[in-house]
Amino acid sequence: TTSKIGGIEDLESGVGTLGFRGEALHALGAVSRLTIASRPPDGRGTELTVEGGEISLVSPTGCPTGTTVTVQDLFYNVPARRKYLKQPATEFGHVNRIVTNYALANPGVAVTLEHDDNETFATTGSGELRETVMAVYGREVATAMRELSAPVDSEGPLESITGLVSHPETTRASSEYVSTFVNGRYVETGAVREAIVEAYDTQLAPDQYPFAAVFLA
């Protein structure tokens, strides 16, 4: 969601920003040690450090073009919240799921996910959805994916339904691999997910779910 959407007409006309990034950074800065290093293509780099919601340092820095946000010691100053964190493997599973779907939503953006100094996946940013699927799920899954281009009602709210869905034999025991996107945004919608699964009819084994990256616009 985003504060820039006031009604259904805003979704229909399209919103060019993803919203809430500033609020997310502010929230992270309040409960962690956060560093932002940023440099425009033809300018100098600047580094900003925030600890517990307070800016502790702003200084010139050498850094690549673009912006890098580093978050360390999450909830270091909120021990009551920190104790409710699950095991590292569980928390990383949540992070992996979110970052994977952001990567699928934006195949034109290079995304790298690392955990314990090991690379989990890295997308190329080529703009090709199948290449992104291969990066996050592997070659076997990417090869099993089929192009999706479903007809839409000209008088309905949708202009297109596109994406990739897997062969019925390439499945997992969890529905979390069925990803849906609306106007380029990752959206968890049970109705669309159920419709995708039901479209397979009896081709899926019991309690198995396909891989899917379906875009509604």
N, C-alpha and C. Protein backbone atom coordinates (compact mmCIF):
# COMPACT_ATOMS: atom_id res chain seq x y z
N THR A 1 0.85 -1.19 0.00
CA THR A 1 0.00 0.00 0.00
C THR A 1 0.89 1.24 0.00
N THR A 2 0.27 2.37 -0.25
CA THR A 2 1.02 3.63 -0.24
C THR A 2 0.07 4.77 0.04
N SER A 3 0.58 5.81 0.67
CA SER A 3 -0.24 6.97 0.98
C SER A 3 -0.61 7.73 -0.28
N LYS A 4 0.03 7.42 -1.40
CA LYS A 4 -0.25 8.12 -2.66
C LYS A 4 -1.49 7.56 -3.35
N ILE A 5 -2.06 6.48 -2.82
CA ILE A 5 -3.27 5.90 -3.40
C ILE A 5 -4.46 6.32 -2.54
N GLY A 6 -5.31 7.15 -3.11
CA GLY A 6 -6.46 7.61 -2.35
C GLY A 6 -7.74 6.87 -2.69
N GLY A 7 -7.78 6.21 -3.84
CA GLY A 7 -8.97 5.48 -4.24
C GLY A 7 -8.66 4.57 -5.40
N ILE A 8 -9.66 3.81 -5.85
CA ILE A 8 -9.46 2.83 -6.92
C ILE A 8 -9.02 3.51 -8.21
N GLU A 9 -9.44 4.77 -8.42
CA GLU A 9 -9.07 5.48 -9.64
C GLU A 9 -7.56 5.71 -9.71
N ASP A 10 -6.91 5.83 -8.54
CA ASP A 10 -5.46 6.01 -8.54
C ASP A 10 -4.74 4.75 -9.00
N LEU A 11 -5.29 3.59 -8.64
CA LEU A 11 -4.72 2.34 -9.12
C LEU A 11 -4.91 2.20 -10.62
N GLU A 12 -6.06 2.62 -11.10
CA GLU A 12 -6.35 2.50 -12.52
C GLU A 12 -5.48 3.43 -13.37
N SER A 13 -5.18 4.60 -12.83
CA SER A 13 -4.37 5.55 -13.59
C SER A 13 -2.89 5.26 -13.46
N GLY A 14 -2.53 4.47 -12.43
CA GLY A 14 -1.14 4.10 -12.26
C GLY A 14 -0.41 5.05 -11.34
N VAL A 15 0.37 4.49 -10.43
CA VAL A 15 1.19 5.28 -9.51
C VAL A 15 2.64 4.93 -9.78
N GLY A 16 3.45 5.94 -10.06
CA GLY A 16 4.82 5.67 -10.50
C GLY A 16 5.80 5.39 -9.39
N THR A 17 5.41 5.61 -8.13
CA THR A 17 6.34 5.37 -7.02
C THR A 17 5.82 4.21 -6.17
N LEU A 18 6.70 3.65 -5.36
CA LEU A 18 6.33 2.51 -4.53
C LEU A 18 5.91 2.92 -3.13
N GLY A 19 6.25 4.13 -2.70
CA GLY A 19 5.74 4.64 -1.44
C GLY A 19 6.39 4.06 -0.21
N PHE A 20 6.38 4.84 0.86
CA PHE A 20 6.77 4.41 2.20
C PHE A 20 8.26 4.12 2.37
N ARG A 21 9.09 4.34 1.35
CA ARG A 21 10.51 4.05 1.53
C ARG A 21 11.12 4.95 2.60
N GLY A 22 10.72 6.24 2.60
CA GLY A 22 11.24 7.16 3.61
C GLY A 22 10.81 6.76 5.01
N GLU A 23 9.56 6.35 5.15
CA GLU A 23 9.08 5.92 6.46
C GLU A 23 9.77 4.64 6.90
N ALA A 24 10.05 3.75 5.96
CA ALA A 24 10.74 2.50 6.31
C ALA A 24 12.14 2.79 6.81
N LEU A 25 12.85 3.70 6.14
CA LEU A 25 14.20 4.06 6.57
C LEU A 25 14.17 4.71 7.95
N HIS A 26 13.21 5.58 8.17
CA HIS A 26 13.10 6.24 9.47
C HIS A 26 12.85 5.22 10.57
N ALA A 27 11.95 4.26 10.31
CA ALA A 27 11.64 3.23 11.31
C ALA A 27 12.85 2.36 11.60
N LEU A 28 13.58 1.98 10.54
CA LEU A 28 14.78 1.17 10.75
C LEU A 28 15.83 1.94 11.54
N GLY A 29 16.00 3.22 11.21
CA GLY A 29 16.99 4.04 11.90
C GLY A 29 16.71 4.20 13.38
N ALA A 30 15.43 4.10 13.76
CA ALA A 30 15.06 4.27 15.16
C ALA A 30 15.40 3.06 16.02
N VAL A 31 15.57 1.89 15.39
CA VAL A 31 15.77 0.66 16.18
C VAL A 31 17.02 -0.10 15.74
N SER A 32 17.97 0.60 15.12
CA SER A 32 19.18 -0.08 14.65
C SER A 32 20.31 0.92 14.50
N ARG A 33 21.45 0.42 14.06
CA ARG A 33 22.55 1.28 13.62
C ARG A 33 22.53 1.24 12.09
N LEU A 34 22.16 2.34 11.49
CA LEU A 34 21.89 2.40 10.06
C LEU A 34 22.85 3.35 9.37
N THR A 35 23.37 2.91 8.24
CA THR A 35 24.28 3.73 7.45
C THR A 35 23.77 3.82 6.02
N ILE A 36 23.74 5.03 5.49
CA ILE A 36 23.34 5.25 4.09
C ILE A 36 24.51 5.92 3.37
N ALA A 37 25.00 5.27 2.33
CA ALA A 37 26.06 5.84 1.49
C ALA A 37 25.49 6.05 0.10
N SER A 38 25.60 7.27 -0.42
CA SER A 38 24.95 7.58 -1.69
C SER A 38 25.83 8.50 -2.53
N ARG A 39 25.82 8.23 -3.84
CA ARG A 39 26.58 9.10 -4.75
C ARG A 39 25.87 9.19 -6.10
N PRO A 40 25.63 10.44 -6.58
CA PRO A 40 25.06 10.61 -7.93
C PRO A 40 26.13 10.30 -8.97
N PRO A 41 25.75 10.06 -10.23
CA PRO A 41 26.72 9.69 -11.26
C PRO A 41 27.88 10.66 -11.41
N ASP A 42 27.63 11.95 -11.27
CA ASP A 42 28.69 12.94 -11.49
C ASP A 42 29.00 13.75 -10.24
N GLY A 43 28.78 13.16 -9.07
CA GLY A 43 29.01 13.91 -7.83
C GLY A 43 29.82 13.14 -6.82
N ARG A 44 29.97 13.73 -5.65
CA ARG A 44 30.72 13.11 -4.56
C ARG A 44 29.79 12.25 -3.71
N GLY A 45 30.38 11.25 -3.07
CA GLY A 45 29.61 10.39 -2.20
C GLY A 45 29.46 10.99 -0.81
N THR A 46 28.32 10.69 -0.18
CA THR A 46 28.05 11.15 1.18
C THR A 46 27.57 9.97 2.01
N GLU A 47 28.04 9.91 3.24
CA GLU A 47 27.63 8.85 4.15
C GLU A 47 26.93 9.44 5.36
N LEU A 48 25.80 8.87 5.70
CA LEU A 48 25.02 9.31 6.86
C LEU A 48 24.85 8.12 7.79
N THR A 49 25.14 8.33 9.07
CA THR A 49 25.01 7.27 10.06
C THR A 49 23.96 7.67 11.09
N VAL A 50 23.04 6.75 11.35
CA VAL A 50 21.97 6.97 12.33
C VAL A 50 22.04 5.87 13.38
N GLU A 51 22.00 6.25 14.65
CA GLU A 51 22.00 5.27 15.74
C GLU A 51 20.83 5.56 16.66
N GLY A 52 19.92 4.60 16.75
CA GLY A 52 18.77 4.77 17.63
C GLY A 52 17.93 5.99 17.31
N GLY A 53 17.83 6.34 16.04
CA GLY A 53 17.00 7.46 15.63
C GLY A 53 17.70 8.79 15.59
N GLU A 54 18.95 8.84 16.01
CA GLU A 54 19.71 10.08 16.02
C GLU A 54 20.82 10.05 14.97
N ILE A 55 20.94 11.12 14.19
CA ILE A 55 22.02 11.21 13.21
C ILE A 55 23.32 11.47 13.95
N SER A 56 24.26 10.54 13.83
CA SER A 56 25.53 10.66 14.55
C SER A 56 26.67 11.14 13.66
N LEU A 57 26.51 11.01 12.34
CA LEU A 57 27.61 11.39 11.45
C LEU A 57 27.10 11.63 10.04
N VAL A 58 27.57 12.71 9.44
CA VAL A 58 27.38 12.98 8.01
C VAL A 58 28.72 13.40 7.46
N SER A 59 29.25 12.64 6.50
CA SER A 59 30.60 12.93 6.02
C SER A 59 30.77 12.49 4.58
N PRO A 60 31.75 13.08 3.86
CA PRO A 60 32.06 12.62 2.51
C PRO A 60 32.59 11.19 2.55
N THR A 61 32.35 10.44 1.49
CA THR A 61 32.83 9.07 1.46
C THR A 61 33.06 8.62 0.02
N GLY A 62 33.92 7.67 -0.16
CA GLY A 62 34.10 7.05 -1.47
C GLY A 62 33.16 5.87 -1.59
N CYS A 63 32.28 5.88 -2.58
CA CYS A 63 31.33 4.80 -2.75
C CYS A 63 30.90 4.75 -4.21
N PRO A 64 30.38 3.62 -4.65
CA PRO A 64 29.93 3.51 -6.05
C PRO A 64 28.68 4.36 -6.28
N THR A 65 28.38 4.60 -7.54
CA THR A 65 27.17 5.34 -7.90
C THR A 65 25.94 4.59 -7.40
N GLY A 66 24.99 5.34 -6.86
CA GLY A 66 23.78 4.74 -6.33
C GLY A 66 23.71 4.91 -4.82
N THR A 67 22.84 4.16 -4.20
CA THR A 67 22.63 4.26 -2.75
C THR A 67 22.70 2.89 -2.10
N THR A 68 23.48 2.79 -1.03
CA THR A 68 23.60 1.55 -0.28
C THR A 68 23.14 1.80 1.15
N VAL A 69 22.19 1.01 1.61
CA VAL A 69 21.67 1.11 2.97
C VAL A 69 22.13 -0.11 3.75
N THR A 70 22.81 0.10 4.86
CA THR A 70 23.30 -0.99 5.69
C THR A 70 22.66 -0.89 7.07
N VAL A 71 22.03 -1.98 7.51
CA VAL A 71 21.37 -2.02 8.82
C VAL A 71 22.09 -3.03 9.69
N GLN A 72 22.53 -2.61 10.86
CA GLN A 72 23.22 -3.49 11.80
C GLN A 72 22.57 -3.40 13.18
N ASP A 73 22.74 -4.47 13.94
CA ASP A 73 22.27 -4.50 15.34
C ASP A 73 20.80 -4.13 15.46
N LEU A 74 19.96 -4.78 14.67
CA LEU A 74 18.53 -4.50 14.70
C LEU A 74 17.97 -4.75 16.10
N PHE A 75 17.21 -3.78 16.61
CA PHE A 75 16.58 -3.81 17.94
C PHE A 75 17.60 -3.81 19.08
N TYR A 76 18.81 -3.33 18.81
CA TYR A 76 19.82 -3.30 19.89
C TYR A 76 19.36 -2.44 21.06
N ASN A 77 18.56 -1.42 20.76
CA ASN A 77 18.09 -0.50 21.80
C ASN A 77 16.65 -0.77 22.24
N VAL A 78 16.09 -1.88 21.75
CA VAL A 78 14.74 -2.28 22.16
C VAL A 78 14.78 -3.76 22.55
N PRO A 79 15.41 -4.08 23.68
CA PRO A 79 15.57 -5.51 24.06
C PRO A 79 14.26 -6.26 24.19
N ALA A 80 13.20 -5.57 24.60
CA ALA A 80 11.91 -6.26 24.73
C ALA A 80 11.42 -6.76 23.38
N ARG A 81 11.68 -5.98 22.32
CA ARG A 81 11.29 -6.40 20.97
C ARG A 81 12.24 -7.46 20.44
N ARG A 82 13.52 -7.32 20.75
CA ARG A 82 14.52 -8.25 20.21
C ARG A 82 14.29 -9.67 20.70
N LYS A 83 13.80 -9.82 21.93
CA LYS A 83 13.65 -11.18 22.47
C LYS A 83 12.55 -11.96 21.77
N TYR A 84 11.68 -11.24 21.03
CA TYR A 84 10.61 -11.93 20.32
C TYR A 84 11.03 -12.39 18.92
N LEU A 85 12.25 -12.07 18.53
CA LEU A 85 12.73 -12.57 17.25
C LEU A 85 12.87 -14.09 17.30
N LYS A 86 12.58 -14.74 16.21
CA LYS A 86 12.71 -16.19 16.13
C LYS A 86 14.17 -16.56 15.90
N GLN A 87 14.42 -17.83 15.68
CA GLN A 87 15.77 -18.28 15.36
C GLN A 87 16.26 -17.61 14.08
N PRO A 88 17.58 -17.40 13.96
CA PRO A 88 18.11 -16.73 12.76
C PRO A 88 17.63 -17.34 11.45
N ALA A 89 17.54 -18.66 11.39
CA ALA A 89 17.10 -19.32 10.15
C ALA A 89 15.65 -18.94 9.82
N THR A 90 14.81 -18.81 10.84
CA THR A 90 13.41 -18.44 10.62
C THR A 90 13.30 -17.00 10.15
N GLU A 91 14.03 -16.11 10.82
CA GLU A 91 13.99 -14.70 10.44
C GLU A 91 14.55 -14.50 9.03
N PHE A 92 15.62 -15.23 8.70
CA PHE A 92 16.17 -15.10 7.36
C PHE A 92 15.19 -15.63 6.31
N GLY A 93 14.43 -16.65 6.67
CA GLY A 93 13.41 -17.16 5.75
C GLY A 93 12.41 -16.08 5.37
N HIS A 94 12.01 -15.27 6.35
CA HIS A 94 11.08 -14.17 6.08
C HIS A 94 11.74 -13.15 5.15
N VAL A 95 12.99 -12.81 5.44
CA VAL A 95 13.71 -11.83 4.62
C VAL A 95 13.87 -12.36 3.19
N ASN A 96 14.24 -13.62 3.07
CA ASN A 96 14.44 -14.23 1.76
C ASN A 96 13.16 -14.17 0.93
N ARG A 97 12.03 -14.45 1.55
CA ARG A 97 10.75 -14.44 0.82
C ARG A 97 10.43 -13.04 0.30
N ILE A 98 10.61 -12.03 1.13
CA ILE A 98 10.29 -10.66 0.73
C ILE A 98 11.24 -10.19 -0.37
N VAL A 99 12.55 -10.40 -0.17
CA VAL A 99 13.51 -9.93 -1.16
C VAL A 99 13.34 -10.67 -2.48
N THR A 100 13.03 -11.96 -2.41
CA THR A 100 12.77 -12.73 -3.64
C THR A 100 11.63 -12.12 -4.43
N ASN A 101 10.56 -11.77 -3.76
CA ASN A 101 9.41 -11.21 -4.47
C ASN A 101 9.68 -9.80 -4.98
N TYR A 102 10.49 -9.02 -4.26
CA TYR A 102 10.88 -7.71 -4.78
C TYR A 102 11.72 -7.88 -6.03
N ALA A 103 12.58 -8.90 -6.04
CA ALA A 103 13.42 -9.15 -7.23
C ALA A 103 12.55 -9.57 -8.41
N LEU A 104 11.57 -10.45 -8.16
CA LEU A 104 10.66 -10.88 -9.23
C LEU A 104 9.83 -9.71 -9.75
N ALA A 105 9.44 -8.82 -8.87
CA ALA A 105 8.63 -7.67 -9.27
C ALA A 105 9.42 -6.68 -10.12
N ASN A 106 10.75 -6.71 -9.97
CA ASN A 106 11.59 -5.73 -10.65
C ASN A 106 12.76 -6.41 -11.36
N PRO A 107 12.48 -7.18 -12.42
CA PRO A 107 13.56 -7.90 -13.11
C PRO A 107 14.58 -6.97 -13.76
N GLY A 108 14.25 -5.70 -13.90
CA GLY A 108 15.20 -4.74 -14.46
C GLY A 108 16.15 -4.17 -13.43
N VAL A 109 16.02 -4.59 -12.18
CA VAL A 109 16.89 -4.12 -11.10
C VAL A 109 17.75 -5.29 -10.61
N ALA A 110 19.05 -5.10 -10.52
CA ALA A 110 19.95 -6.14 -10.02
C ALA A 110 19.82 -6.23 -8.50
N VAL A 111 19.47 -7.40 -7.99
CA VAL A 111 19.26 -7.60 -6.56
C VAL A 111 20.17 -8.73 -6.08
N THR A 112 20.90 -8.48 -5.01
CA THR A 112 21.76 -9.49 -4.41
C THR A 112 21.35 -9.69 -2.95
N LEU A 113 21.18 -10.93 -2.54
CA LEU A 113 20.85 -11.25 -1.16
C LEU A 113 21.98 -12.10 -0.58
N GLU A 114 22.55 -11.63 0.54
CA GLU A 114 23.62 -12.36 1.21
C GLU A 114 23.20 -12.67 2.64
N HIS A 115 23.69 -13.80 3.12
CA HIS A 115 23.40 -14.21 4.50
C HIS A 115 24.64 -14.87 5.08
N ASP A 116 25.10 -14.35 6.22
CA ASP A 116 26.32 -14.88 6.85
C ASP A 116 27.49 -14.89 5.87
N ASP A 117 27.62 -13.80 5.12
CA ASP A 117 28.72 -13.61 4.16
C ASP A 117 28.65 -14.56 2.98
N ASN A 118 27.54 -15.25 2.82
CA ASN A 118 27.36 -16.13 1.67
C ASN A 118 26.24 -15.58 0.78
N GLU A 119 26.47 -15.62 -0.53
CA GLU A 119 25.46 -15.12 -1.47
C GLU A 119 24.34 -16.14 -1.63
N THR A 120 23.11 -15.72 -1.32
CA THR A 120 21.95 -16.57 -1.50
C THR A 120 21.50 -16.57 -2.95
N PHE A 121 21.40 -15.37 -3.53
CA PHE A 121 21.14 -15.25 -4.96
C PHE A 121 21.54 -13.85 -5.42
N ALA A 122 21.71 -13.72 -6.73
CA ALA A 122 22.01 -12.41 -7.33
C ALA A 122 21.36 -12.37 -8.69
N THR A 123 20.48 -11.40 -8.91
CA THR A 123 19.85 -11.25 -10.22
C THR A 123 20.67 -10.28 -11.06
N THR A 124 20.51 -10.37 -12.37
CA THR A 124 21.35 -9.59 -13.27
C THR A 124 20.80 -8.20 -13.57
N GLY A 125 19.49 -8.02 -13.36
CA GLY A 125 18.88 -6.75 -13.73
C GLY A 125 18.69 -6.59 -15.23
N SER A 126 18.65 -7.72 -15.94
CA SER A 126 18.54 -7.69 -17.40
C SER A 126 17.16 -7.28 -17.88
N GLY A 127 16.17 -7.37 -16.99
CA GLY A 127 14.80 -7.08 -17.39
C GLY A 127 14.02 -8.31 -17.82
N GLU A 128 14.70 -9.46 -17.89
CA GLU A 128 14.05 -10.71 -18.30
C GLU A 128 13.56 -11.47 -17.06
N LEU A 129 12.24 -11.69 -16.98
CA LEU A 129 11.67 -12.35 -15.82
C LEU A 129 12.21 -13.77 -15.65
N ARG A 130 12.38 -14.50 -16.75
CA ARG A 130 12.86 -15.88 -16.65
C ARG A 130 14.28 -15.93 -16.06
N GLU A 131 15.12 -14.97 -16.44
CA GLU A 131 16.47 -14.91 -15.87
C GLU A 131 16.41 -14.65 -14.37
N THR A 132 15.47 -13.81 -13.95
CA THR A 132 15.32 -13.54 -12.53
C THR A 132 14.86 -14.79 -11.79
N VAL A 133 13.91 -15.52 -12.37
CA VAL A 133 13.44 -16.77 -11.78
C VAL A 133 14.60 -17.75 -11.64
N MET A 134 15.45 -17.84 -12.65
CA MET A 134 16.60 -18.74 -12.59
C MET A 134 17.54 -18.35 -11.47
N ALA A 135 17.72 -17.04 -11.26
CA ALA A 135 18.62 -16.58 -10.21
C ALA A 135 18.10 -16.91 -8.82
N VAL A 136 16.80 -16.75 -8.61
CA VAL A 136 16.26 -16.94 -7.26
C VAL A 136 15.82 -18.38 -6.98
N TYR A 137 15.38 -19.11 -8.02
CA TYR A 137 14.86 -20.46 -7.80
C TYR A 137 15.71 -21.56 -8.45
N GLY A 138 16.60 -21.19 -9.36
CA GLY A 138 17.44 -22.19 -9.98
C GLY A 138 17.04 -22.50 -11.42
N ARG A 139 17.97 -23.13 -12.14
CA ARG A 139 17.76 -23.41 -13.57
C ARG A 139 16.61 -24.39 -13.80
N GLU A 140 16.49 -25.40 -12.94
CA GLU A 140 15.44 -26.41 -13.13
C GLU A 140 14.05 -25.77 -13.12
N VAL A 141 13.81 -24.88 -12.17
CA VAL A 141 12.51 -24.22 -12.08
C VAL A 141 12.31 -23.28 -13.27
N ALA A 142 13.34 -22.50 -13.60
CA ALA A 142 13.22 -21.55 -14.71
C ALA A 142 12.90 -22.26 -16.01
N THR A 143 13.51 -23.43 -16.23
CA THR A 143 13.25 -24.19 -17.45
C THR A 143 11.83 -24.72 -17.49
N ALA A 144 11.27 -25.01 -16.32
CA ALA A 144 9.91 -25.57 -16.25
C ALA A 144 8.83 -24.50 -16.33
N MET A 145 9.20 -23.24 -16.33
CA MET A 145 8.20 -22.17 -16.36
C MET A 145 7.65 -21.97 -17.77
N ARG A 146 6.37 -21.67 -17.84
CA ARG A 146 5.69 -21.43 -19.11
C ARG A 146 5.15 -20.01 -19.14
N GLU A 147 5.19 -19.40 -20.32
CA GLU A 147 4.68 -18.04 -20.48
C GLU A 147 3.17 -18.01 -20.24
N LEU A 148 2.74 -16.97 -19.53
CA LEU A 148 1.32 -16.78 -19.28
C LEU A 148 0.87 -15.46 -19.89
N SER A 149 -0.17 -15.52 -20.69
CA SER A 149 -0.78 -14.32 -21.24
C SER A 149 -2.26 -14.61 -21.40
N ALA A 150 -3.02 -14.25 -20.36
CA ALA A 150 -4.43 -14.61 -20.32
C ALA A 150 -5.29 -13.49 -20.88
N PRO A 151 -6.38 -13.85 -21.55
CA PRO A 151 -7.30 -12.82 -22.07
C PRO A 151 -8.02 -12.12 -20.92
N VAL A 152 -8.34 -10.86 -21.12
CA VAL A 152 -9.06 -10.10 -20.10
C VAL A 152 -10.31 -9.47 -20.72
N ASP A 153 -11.28 -9.21 -19.88
CA ASP A 153 -12.52 -8.57 -20.32
C ASP A 153 -12.23 -7.10 -20.61
N SER A 154 -12.55 -6.67 -21.81
CA SER A 154 -12.25 -5.29 -22.21
C SER A 154 -12.99 -4.27 -21.35
N GLU A 155 -14.08 -4.68 -20.72
CA GLU A 155 -14.84 -3.77 -19.88
C GLU A 155 -14.51 -3.94 -18.40
N GLY A 156 -13.60 -4.84 -18.10
CA GLY A 156 -13.23 -5.08 -16.71
C GLY A 156 -12.11 -4.16 -16.25
N PRO A 157 -11.69 -4.30 -14.99
CA PRO A 157 -10.66 -3.41 -14.43
C PRO A 157 -9.24 -3.76 -14.87
N LEU A 158 -9.03 -4.96 -15.42
CA LEU A 158 -7.68 -5.39 -15.78
C LEU A 158 -7.40 -5.14 -17.26
N GLU A 159 -6.16 -4.73 -17.52
CA GLU A 159 -5.72 -4.55 -18.91
C GLU A 159 -4.89 -5.73 -19.38
N SER A 160 -4.22 -6.42 -18.44
CA SER A 160 -3.39 -7.55 -18.86
C SER A 160 -3.14 -8.49 -17.69
N ILE A 161 -2.92 -9.76 -18.01
CA ILE A 161 -2.49 -10.79 -17.05
C ILE A 161 -1.34 -11.51 -17.72
N THR A 162 -0.14 -11.33 -17.19
CA THR A 162 1.05 -11.92 -17.79
C THR A 162 1.92 -12.55 -16.71
N GLY A 163 2.96 -13.25 -17.14
CA GLY A 163 3.90 -13.80 -16.18
C GLY A 163 4.40 -15.17 -16.58
N LEU A 164 4.83 -15.93 -15.59
CA LEU A 164 5.34 -17.27 -15.78
C LEU A 164 4.71 -18.19 -14.75
N VAL A 165 4.33 -19.40 -15.19
CA VAL A 165 3.82 -20.42 -14.28
C VAL A 165 4.53 -21.74 -14.59
N SER A 166 4.69 -22.56 -13.57
CA SER A 166 5.48 -23.78 -13.75
C SER A 166 4.66 -24.94 -14.31
N HIS A 167 5.38 -25.90 -14.89
CA HIS A 167 4.78 -27.17 -15.32
C HIS A 167 4.19 -27.85 -14.08
N PRO A 168 3.09 -28.58 -14.22
CA PRO A 168 2.44 -29.21 -13.06
C PRO A 168 3.34 -30.13 -12.25
N GLU A 169 4.40 -30.63 -12.86
CA GLU A 169 5.28 -31.54 -12.13
C GLU A 169 6.36 -30.80 -11.33
N THR A 170 6.49 -29.49 -11.55
CA THR A 170 7.47 -28.70 -10.81
C THR A 170 6.73 -27.94 -9.73
N THR A 171 6.71 -28.49 -8.53
CA THR A 171 5.90 -27.95 -7.44
C THR A 171 6.67 -27.97 -6.12
N ARG A 172 6.07 -27.35 -5.13
CA ARG A 172 6.57 -27.39 -3.76
C ARG A 172 5.37 -27.59 -2.83
N ALA A 173 5.66 -27.91 -1.59
CA ALA A 173 4.59 -28.18 -0.62
C ALA A 173 4.07 -26.91 0.04
N SER A 174 4.51 -25.75 -0.43
CA SER A 174 4.06 -24.48 0.14
C SER A 174 3.56 -23.56 -0.96
N SER A 175 2.53 -22.78 -0.64
CA SER A 175 1.98 -21.85 -1.62
C SER A 175 2.77 -20.55 -1.70
N GLU A 176 3.84 -20.41 -0.90
CA GLU A 176 4.59 -19.16 -0.89
C GLU A 176 5.33 -18.91 -2.21
N TYR A 177 5.42 -19.95 -3.06
CA TYR A 177 6.09 -19.77 -4.35
C TYR A 177 5.13 -19.29 -5.44
N VAL A 178 3.88 -19.08 -5.06
CA VAL A 178 2.90 -18.48 -5.98
C VAL A 178 2.88 -16.99 -5.69
N SER A 179 3.55 -16.22 -6.52
CA SER A 179 3.71 -14.79 -6.29
C SER A 179 2.81 -13.98 -7.22
N THR A 180 2.13 -13.01 -6.66
CA THR A 180 1.23 -12.18 -7.46
C THR A 180 1.62 -10.71 -7.32
N PHE A 181 1.47 -9.99 -8.43
CA PHE A 181 1.88 -8.59 -8.47
C PHE A 181 0.78 -7.77 -9.14
N VAL A 182 0.48 -6.61 -8.58
CA VAL A 182 -0.53 -5.72 -9.13
C VAL A 182 0.14 -4.39 -9.46
N ASN A 183 0.10 -4.02 -10.73
CA ASN A 183 0.77 -2.80 -11.19
C ASN A 183 2.23 -2.75 -10.74
N GLY A 184 2.89 -3.90 -10.83
CA GLY A 184 4.30 -3.97 -10.51
C GLY A 184 4.62 -4.09 -9.04
N ARG A 185 3.61 -4.14 -8.19
CA ARG A 185 3.84 -4.25 -6.74
C ARG A 185 3.56 -5.68 -6.28
N TYR A 186 4.40 -6.17 -5.39
CA TYR A 186 4.15 -7.48 -4.80
C TYR A 186 2.96 -7.38 -3.87
N VAL A 187 1.94 -8.22 -4.11
CA VAL A 187 0.71 -8.19 -3.33
C VAL A 187 0.35 -9.61 -2.93
N GLU A 188 0.11 -9.84 -1.64
CA GLU A 188 -0.35 -11.14 -1.19
C GLU A 188 -1.88 -11.15 -1.25
N THR A 189 -2.40 -11.82 -2.24
CA THR A 189 -3.85 -11.88 -2.41
C THR A 189 -4.30 -13.33 -2.53
N GLY A 190 -5.02 -13.78 -1.53
CA GLY A 190 -5.45 -15.17 -1.51
C GLY A 190 -6.36 -15.54 -2.67
N ALA A 191 -7.20 -14.61 -3.11
CA ALA A 191 -8.15 -14.90 -4.18
C ALA A 191 -7.43 -15.21 -5.48
N VAL A 192 -6.43 -14.39 -5.82
CA VAL A 192 -5.69 -14.62 -7.06
C VAL A 192 -4.85 -15.90 -6.95
N ARG A 193 -4.24 -16.10 -5.80
CA ARG A 193 -3.44 -17.31 -5.60
C ARG A 193 -4.29 -18.55 -5.76
N GLU A 194 -5.47 -18.55 -5.17
CA GLU A 194 -6.36 -19.69 -5.28
C GLU A 194 -6.80 -19.91 -6.73
N ALA A 195 -7.04 -18.82 -7.46
CA ALA A 195 -7.45 -18.94 -8.86
C ALA A 195 -6.34 -19.58 -9.69
N ILE A 196 -5.09 -19.22 -9.40
CA ILE A 196 -3.96 -19.80 -10.14
C ILE A 196 -3.88 -21.30 -9.87
N VAL A 197 -4.00 -21.67 -8.61
CA VAL A 197 -3.92 -23.09 -8.25
C VAL A 197 -5.09 -23.87 -8.85
N GLU A 198 -6.29 -23.29 -8.78
CA GLU A 198 -7.47 -23.98 -9.32
C GLU A 198 -7.39 -24.15 -10.83
N ALA A 199 -6.65 -23.27 -11.51
CA ALA A 199 -6.51 -23.39 -12.96
C ALA A 199 -5.78 -24.67 -13.37
N TYR A 200 -5.00 -25.21 -12.46
CA TYR A 200 -4.30 -26.47 -12.75
C TYR A 200 -5.24 -27.66 -12.66
N ASP A 201 -6.42 -27.45 -12.03
CA ASP A 201 -7.43 -28.48 -11.88
C ASP A 201 -6.82 -29.70 -11.19
N THR A 202 -6.85 -30.86 -11.83
CA THR A 202 -6.37 -32.09 -11.18
C THR A 202 -4.92 -32.41 -11.55
N GLN A 203 -4.24 -31.49 -12.19
CA GLN A 203 -2.88 -31.78 -12.64
C GLN A 203 -1.86 -31.72 -11.50
N LEU A 204 -2.20 -31.04 -10.41
CA LEU A 204 -1.28 -30.95 -9.28
C LEU A 204 -1.49 -32.12 -8.33
N ALA A 205 -0.39 -32.61 -7.78
CA ALA A 205 -0.49 -33.65 -6.75
C ALA A 205 -1.09 -33.04 -5.49
N PRO A 206 -1.71 -33.87 -4.65
CA PRO A 206 -2.32 -33.33 -3.42
C PRO A 206 -1.31 -32.55 -2.58
N ASP A 207 -1.76 -31.40 -2.05
CA ASP A 207 -0.95 -30.55 -1.17
C ASP A 207 0.33 -30.07 -1.84
N GLN A 208 0.29 -29.93 -3.14
CA GLN A 208 1.42 -29.36 -3.87
C GLN A 208 0.99 -28.07 -4.57
N TYR A 209 1.94 -27.15 -4.69
CA TYR A 209 1.65 -25.85 -5.29
C TYR A 209 2.69 -25.54 -6.36
N PRO A 210 2.27 -24.83 -7.42
CA PRO A 210 3.21 -24.52 -8.49
C PRO A 210 4.08 -23.31 -8.14
N PHE A 211 5.07 -23.08 -8.98
CA PHE A 211 5.80 -21.82 -8.96
C PHE A 211 5.05 -20.88 -9.91
N ALA A 212 4.89 -19.65 -9.52
CA ALA A 212 4.20 -18.69 -10.39
C ALA A 212 4.65 -17.28 -10.08
N ALA A 213 4.76 -16.48 -11.11
CA ALA A 213 4.98 -15.05 -10.98
C ALA A 213 4.00 -14.40 -11.94
N VAL A 214 2.87 -13.97 -11.40
CA VAL A 214 1.76 -13.49 -12.21
C VAL A 214 1.55 -11.99 -11.98
N PHE A 215 1.50 -11.25 -13.08
CA PHE A 215 1.39 -9.79 -13.02
C PHE A 215 0.03 -9.34 -13.54
N LEU A 216 -0.70 -8.62 -12.73
CA LEU A 216 -1.98 -8.04 -13.10
C LEU A 216 -1.81 -6.54 -13.29
N ALA A 217 -2.36 -6.01 -14.36
CA ALA A 217 -2.24 -4.57 -14.59
C ALA A 217 -3.52 -4.04 -15.22
